[in-house]
Amino acid sequence: MMMGRWFGGWGYDPFIDGGGWWMMGIGMLFNILFWGALIYLAIRFLNKSSVNGFDGNQSENPEEILRKRYARSEITREEYQQMLADLKK
């Protein structure tokens, strides 16, 4: 009875004689992709640029901020005009 290439009488084992080496490569590739994606998402989640509503953009001038507050209806027209006049003084 031939036992060299047969696996316990259940058929041919592709891993004997290096037949399954490519599966190890695919497994390694998926492992690297999984951990890479996990690390990327963790870093992206932890480094949120917006903390408590601050987006880090300091280039906006006060008039731009005031205009946005008025557009969001946070202040009335009279408050907007008064604050704008105060800023232009």
N, C-alpha and C. Protein backbone atom coordinates (compact mmCIF):
# COMPACT_ATOMS: atom_id res chain seq x y z
N MET A 1 0.84 -1.18 0.00
CA MET A 1 0.00 0.00 0.00
C MET A 1 0.89 1.24 0.00
N MET A 2 0.54 2.24 -0.82
CA MET A 2 1.33 3.46 -0.92
C MET A 2 0.90 4.44 0.17
N MET A 3 1.84 4.83 1.03
CA MET A 3 1.52 5.75 2.12
C MET A 3 2.20 7.10 1.95
N GLY A 4 3.10 7.21 0.96
CA GLY A 4 3.91 8.42 0.82
C GLY A 4 3.09 9.67 0.53
N ARG A 5 2.19 9.61 -0.43
CA ARG A 5 1.45 10.80 -0.83
C ARG A 5 0.00 10.77 -0.37
N TRP A 6 -0.37 9.79 0.36
CA TRP A 6 -1.76 9.69 0.78
C TRP A 6 -1.85 10.01 2.26
N PHE A 7 -2.84 10.75 2.64
CA PHE A 7 -2.99 11.25 4.00
C PHE A 7 -3.95 10.36 4.77
N GLY A 8 -3.43 9.42 5.50
CA GLY A 8 -4.24 8.58 6.36
C GLY A 8 -5.31 7.79 5.64
N GLY A 9 -5.14 7.54 4.38
CA GLY A 9 -6.13 6.79 3.63
C GLY A 9 -7.32 7.62 3.19
N TRP A 10 -7.27 8.94 3.43
CA TRP A 10 -8.40 9.79 3.06
C TRP A 10 -8.17 10.55 1.76
N GLY A 11 -7.07 10.40 1.15
CA GLY A 11 -6.80 11.07 -0.12
C GLY A 11 -5.48 11.81 -0.10
N TYR A 12 -5.21 12.51 -1.15
CA TYR A 12 -3.95 13.22 -1.34
C TYR A 12 -3.91 14.46 -0.46
N ASP A 13 -2.80 14.68 0.22
CA ASP A 13 -2.63 15.86 1.06
C ASP A 13 -1.83 16.89 0.27
N PRO A 14 -2.42 18.03 -0.07
CA PRO A 14 -1.70 19.01 -0.88
C PRO A 14 -0.55 19.68 -0.14
N PHE A 15 -0.50 19.58 1.18
CA PHE A 15 0.56 20.24 1.93
C PHE A 15 1.85 19.43 1.96
N ILE A 16 1.77 18.16 1.63
CA ILE A 16 2.98 17.35 1.56
C ILE A 16 3.69 17.71 0.26
N ASP A 17 4.96 17.77 0.26
CA ASP A 17 5.79 18.14 -0.89
C ASP A 17 5.59 19.60 -1.31
N GLY A 18 5.15 20.48 -0.42
CA GLY A 18 5.07 21.91 -0.70
C GLY A 18 3.92 22.32 -1.58
N GLY A 19 2.88 21.55 -1.70
CA GLY A 19 1.77 21.89 -2.56
C GLY A 19 0.89 23.00 -2.03
N GLY A 20 0.95 23.30 -0.75
CA GLY A 20 0.07 24.32 -0.17
C GLY A 20 0.80 25.57 0.26
N TRP A 21 1.97 25.82 -0.25
CA TRP A 21 2.75 26.99 0.15
C TRP A 21 2.04 28.29 -0.20
N TRP A 22 1.29 28.31 -1.28
CA TRP A 22 0.63 29.54 -1.70
C TRP A 22 -0.47 29.95 -0.73
N MET A 23 -1.07 28.98 -0.05
CA MET A 23 -2.11 29.30 0.92
C MET A 23 -1.51 30.03 2.12
N MET A 24 -0.30 29.68 2.49
CA MET A 24 0.37 30.37 3.58
C MET A 24 0.63 31.82 3.18
N GLY A 25 1.02 32.05 1.94
CA GLY A 25 1.25 33.42 1.46
C GLY A 25 -0.01 34.26 1.47
N ILE A 26 -1.12 33.66 1.05
CA ILE A 26 -2.39 34.38 1.06
C ILE A 26 -2.82 34.69 2.49
N GLY A 27 -2.63 33.72 3.38
CA GLY A 27 -2.96 33.95 4.79
C GLY A 27 -2.12 35.07 5.39
N MET A 28 -0.85 35.10 5.04
CA MET A 28 0.03 36.15 5.55
C MET A 28 -0.39 37.51 5.00
N LEU A 29 -0.77 37.55 3.72
CA LEU A 29 -1.21 38.80 3.11
C LEU A 29 -2.46 39.33 3.80
N PHE A 30 -3.44 38.46 4.02
CA PHE A 30 -4.66 38.90 4.69
C PHE A 30 -4.38 39.31 6.13
N ASN A 31 -3.47 38.66 6.78
CA ASN A 31 -3.10 39.02 8.14
C ASN A 31 -2.49 40.42 8.17
N ILE A 32 -1.60 40.71 7.24
CA ILE A 32 -0.97 42.03 7.17
C ILE A 32 -2.02 43.09 6.85
N LEU A 33 -2.92 42.80 5.90
CA LEU A 33 -3.97 43.76 5.56
C LEU A 33 -4.90 44.02 6.74
N PHE A 34 -5.25 42.98 7.47
CA PHE A 34 -6.14 43.13 8.62
C PHE A 34 -5.50 44.02 9.68
N TRP A 35 -4.27 43.71 10.07
CA TRP A 35 -3.62 44.49 11.12
C TRP A 35 -3.32 45.91 10.65
N GLY A 36 -2.97 46.06 9.39
CA GLY A 36 -2.74 47.40 8.85
C GLY A 36 -4.00 48.25 8.89
N ALA A 37 -5.12 47.66 8.49
CA ALA A 37 -6.39 48.39 8.53
C ALA A 37 -6.79 48.72 9.96
N LEU A 38 -6.58 47.80 10.87
CA LEU A 38 -6.92 48.03 12.27
C LEU A 38 -6.08 49.17 12.86
N ILE A 39 -4.80 49.18 12.58
CA ILE A 39 -3.92 50.24 13.08
C ILE A 39 -4.29 51.58 12.45
N TYR A 40 -4.57 51.57 11.13
CA TYR A 40 -4.97 52.81 10.45
C TYR A 40 -6.24 53.39 11.06
N LEU A 41 -7.24 52.55 11.28
CA LEU A 41 -8.49 53.04 11.86
C LEU A 41 -8.30 53.52 13.29
N ALA A 42 -7.47 52.84 14.07
CA ALA A 42 -7.21 53.27 15.45
C ALA A 42 -6.53 54.64 15.47
N ILE A 43 -5.54 54.83 14.62
CA ILE A 43 -4.84 56.12 14.56
C ILE A 43 -5.78 57.22 14.10
N ARG A 44 -6.57 56.91 13.09
CA ARG A 44 -7.50 57.91 12.57
C ARG A 44 -8.56 58.28 13.62
N PHE A 45 -9.03 57.29 14.36
CA PHE A 45 -10.04 57.55 15.39
C PHE A 45 -9.44 58.35 16.54
N LEU A 46 -8.22 58.03 16.94
CA LEU A 46 -7.60 58.69 18.09
C LEU A 46 -7.10 60.09 17.76
N ASN A 47 -6.81 60.36 16.51
CA ASN A 47 -6.29 61.67 16.11
C ASN A 47 -7.36 62.53 15.47
N LYS A 48 -8.53 62.53 16.04
CA LYS A 48 -9.60 63.37 15.50
C LYS A 48 -9.14 64.82 15.58
N SER A 49 -9.29 65.54 14.50
CA SER A 49 -8.89 66.94 14.51
C SER A 49 -9.94 67.82 15.18
N SER A 50 -11.14 67.30 15.32
CA SER A 50 -12.20 68.08 15.93
C SER A 50 -12.42 67.59 17.36
N VAL A 51 -11.99 68.39 18.31
CA VAL A 51 -12.18 68.06 19.72
C VAL A 51 -13.03 69.17 20.33
N ASN A 52 -14.18 68.80 20.84
CA ASN A 52 -15.12 69.75 21.45
C ASN A 52 -15.49 70.88 20.50
N GLY A 53 -15.66 70.56 19.24
CA GLY A 53 -16.09 71.55 18.26
C GLY A 53 -14.97 72.37 17.67
N PHE A 54 -13.76 72.24 18.12
CA PHE A 54 -12.64 72.99 17.58
C PHE A 54 -12.02 72.19 16.44
N ASP A 55 -12.03 72.77 15.26
CA ASP A 55 -11.52 72.05 14.11
C ASP A 55 -10.07 72.39 13.78
N GLY A 56 -9.45 73.23 14.57
CA GLY A 56 -8.05 73.54 14.36
C GLY A 56 -7.80 74.60 13.30
N ASN A 57 -8.85 75.07 12.67
CA ASN A 57 -8.70 76.08 11.63
C ASN A 57 -8.72 77.45 12.28
N GLN A 58 -7.56 78.05 12.42
CA GLN A 58 -7.46 79.35 13.07
C GLN A 58 -7.34 80.47 12.06
N SER A 59 -7.50 80.18 10.80
CA SER A 59 -7.34 81.19 9.77
C SER A 59 -8.61 82.01 9.56
N GLU A 60 -9.71 81.63 10.20
CA GLU A 60 -10.95 82.38 10.05
C GLU A 60 -10.85 83.69 10.84
N ASN A 61 -11.29 84.75 10.20
CA ASN A 61 -11.29 86.02 10.91
C ASN A 61 -12.59 86.15 11.69
N PRO A 62 -12.68 87.10 12.60
CA PRO A 62 -13.87 87.24 13.44
C PRO A 62 -15.15 87.51 12.63
N GLU A 63 -15.03 88.24 11.53
CA GLU A 63 -16.21 88.51 10.71
C GLU A 63 -16.75 87.23 10.07
N GLU A 64 -15.85 86.35 9.67
CA GLU A 64 -16.26 85.06 9.09
C GLU A 64 -17.00 84.22 10.14
N ILE A 65 -16.48 84.20 11.34
CA ILE A 65 -17.12 83.44 12.42
C ILE A 65 -18.49 84.03 12.73
N LEU A 66 -18.56 85.35 12.78
CA LEU A 66 -19.83 86.03 13.04
C LEU A 66 -20.84 85.73 11.93
N ARG A 67 -20.40 85.75 10.69
CA ARG A 67 -21.27 85.45 9.55
C ARG A 67 -21.82 84.02 9.64
N LYS A 68 -20.97 83.09 10.05
CA LYS A 68 -21.42 81.70 10.19
C LYS A 68 -22.43 81.56 11.33
N ARG A 69 -22.20 82.27 12.42
CA ARG A 69 -23.16 82.21 13.54
C ARG A 69 -24.51 82.77 13.13
N TYR A 70 -24.49 83.84 12.33
CA TYR A 70 -25.74 84.42 11.85
C TYR A 70 -26.43 83.47 10.87
N ALA A 71 -25.66 82.80 10.03
CA ALA A 71 -26.24 81.86 9.07
C ALA A 71 -26.86 80.66 9.77
N ARG A 72 -26.31 80.27 10.91
CA ARG A 72 -26.87 79.14 11.67
C ARG A 72 -27.99 79.59 12.61
N SER A 73 -28.36 80.86 12.54
CA SER A 73 -29.42 81.44 13.37
C SER A 73 -29.10 81.37 14.85
N GLU A 74 -27.84 81.48 15.18
CA GLU A 74 -27.44 81.52 16.59
C GLU A 74 -27.64 82.92 17.17
N ILE A 75 -27.60 83.91 16.29
CA ILE A 75 -27.79 85.30 16.71
C ILE A 75 -28.81 85.95 15.79
N THR A 76 -29.44 87.01 16.29
CA THR A 76 -30.44 87.72 15.49
C THR A 76 -29.74 88.71 14.56
N ARG A 77 -30.55 89.31 13.68
CA ARG A 77 -30.00 90.28 12.73
C ARG A 77 -29.44 91.50 13.48
N GLU A 78 -30.16 91.94 14.49
CA GLU A 78 -29.70 93.10 15.25
C GLU A 78 -28.38 92.79 15.98
N GLU A 79 -28.31 91.61 16.57
CA GLU A 79 -27.06 91.22 17.24
C GLU A 79 -25.91 91.13 16.24
N TYR A 80 -26.21 90.59 15.07
CA TYR A 80 -25.18 90.47 14.03
C TYR A 80 -24.66 91.84 13.63
N GLN A 81 -25.59 92.77 13.36
CA GLN A 81 -25.18 94.11 12.93
C GLN A 81 -24.41 94.83 14.03
N GLN A 82 -24.85 94.68 15.27
CA GLN A 82 -24.16 95.33 16.39
C GLN A 82 -22.74 94.77 16.56
N MET A 83 -22.63 93.44 16.52
CA MET A 83 -21.31 92.81 16.68
C MET A 83 -20.39 93.15 15.50
N LEU A 84 -20.95 93.21 14.31
CA LEU A 84 -20.15 93.56 13.13
C LEU A 84 -19.64 94.99 13.23
N ALA A 85 -20.51 95.88 13.71
CA ALA A 85 -20.09 97.28 13.90
C ALA A 85 -19.01 97.36 14.97
N ASP A 86 -19.14 96.59 16.03
CA ASP A 86 -18.12 96.58 17.08
C ASP A 86 -16.78 96.07 16.55
N LEU A 87 -16.83 95.08 15.68
CA LEU A 87 -15.59 94.54 15.13
C LEU A 87 -14.89 95.53 14.20
N LYS A 88 -15.67 96.35 13.50
CA LYS A 88 -15.09 97.28 12.54
C LYS A 88 -14.54 98.54 13.20
N LYS A 89 -14.82 98.73 14.49
CA LYS A 89 -14.31 99.91 15.20
C LYS A 89 -12.82 99.84 15.37
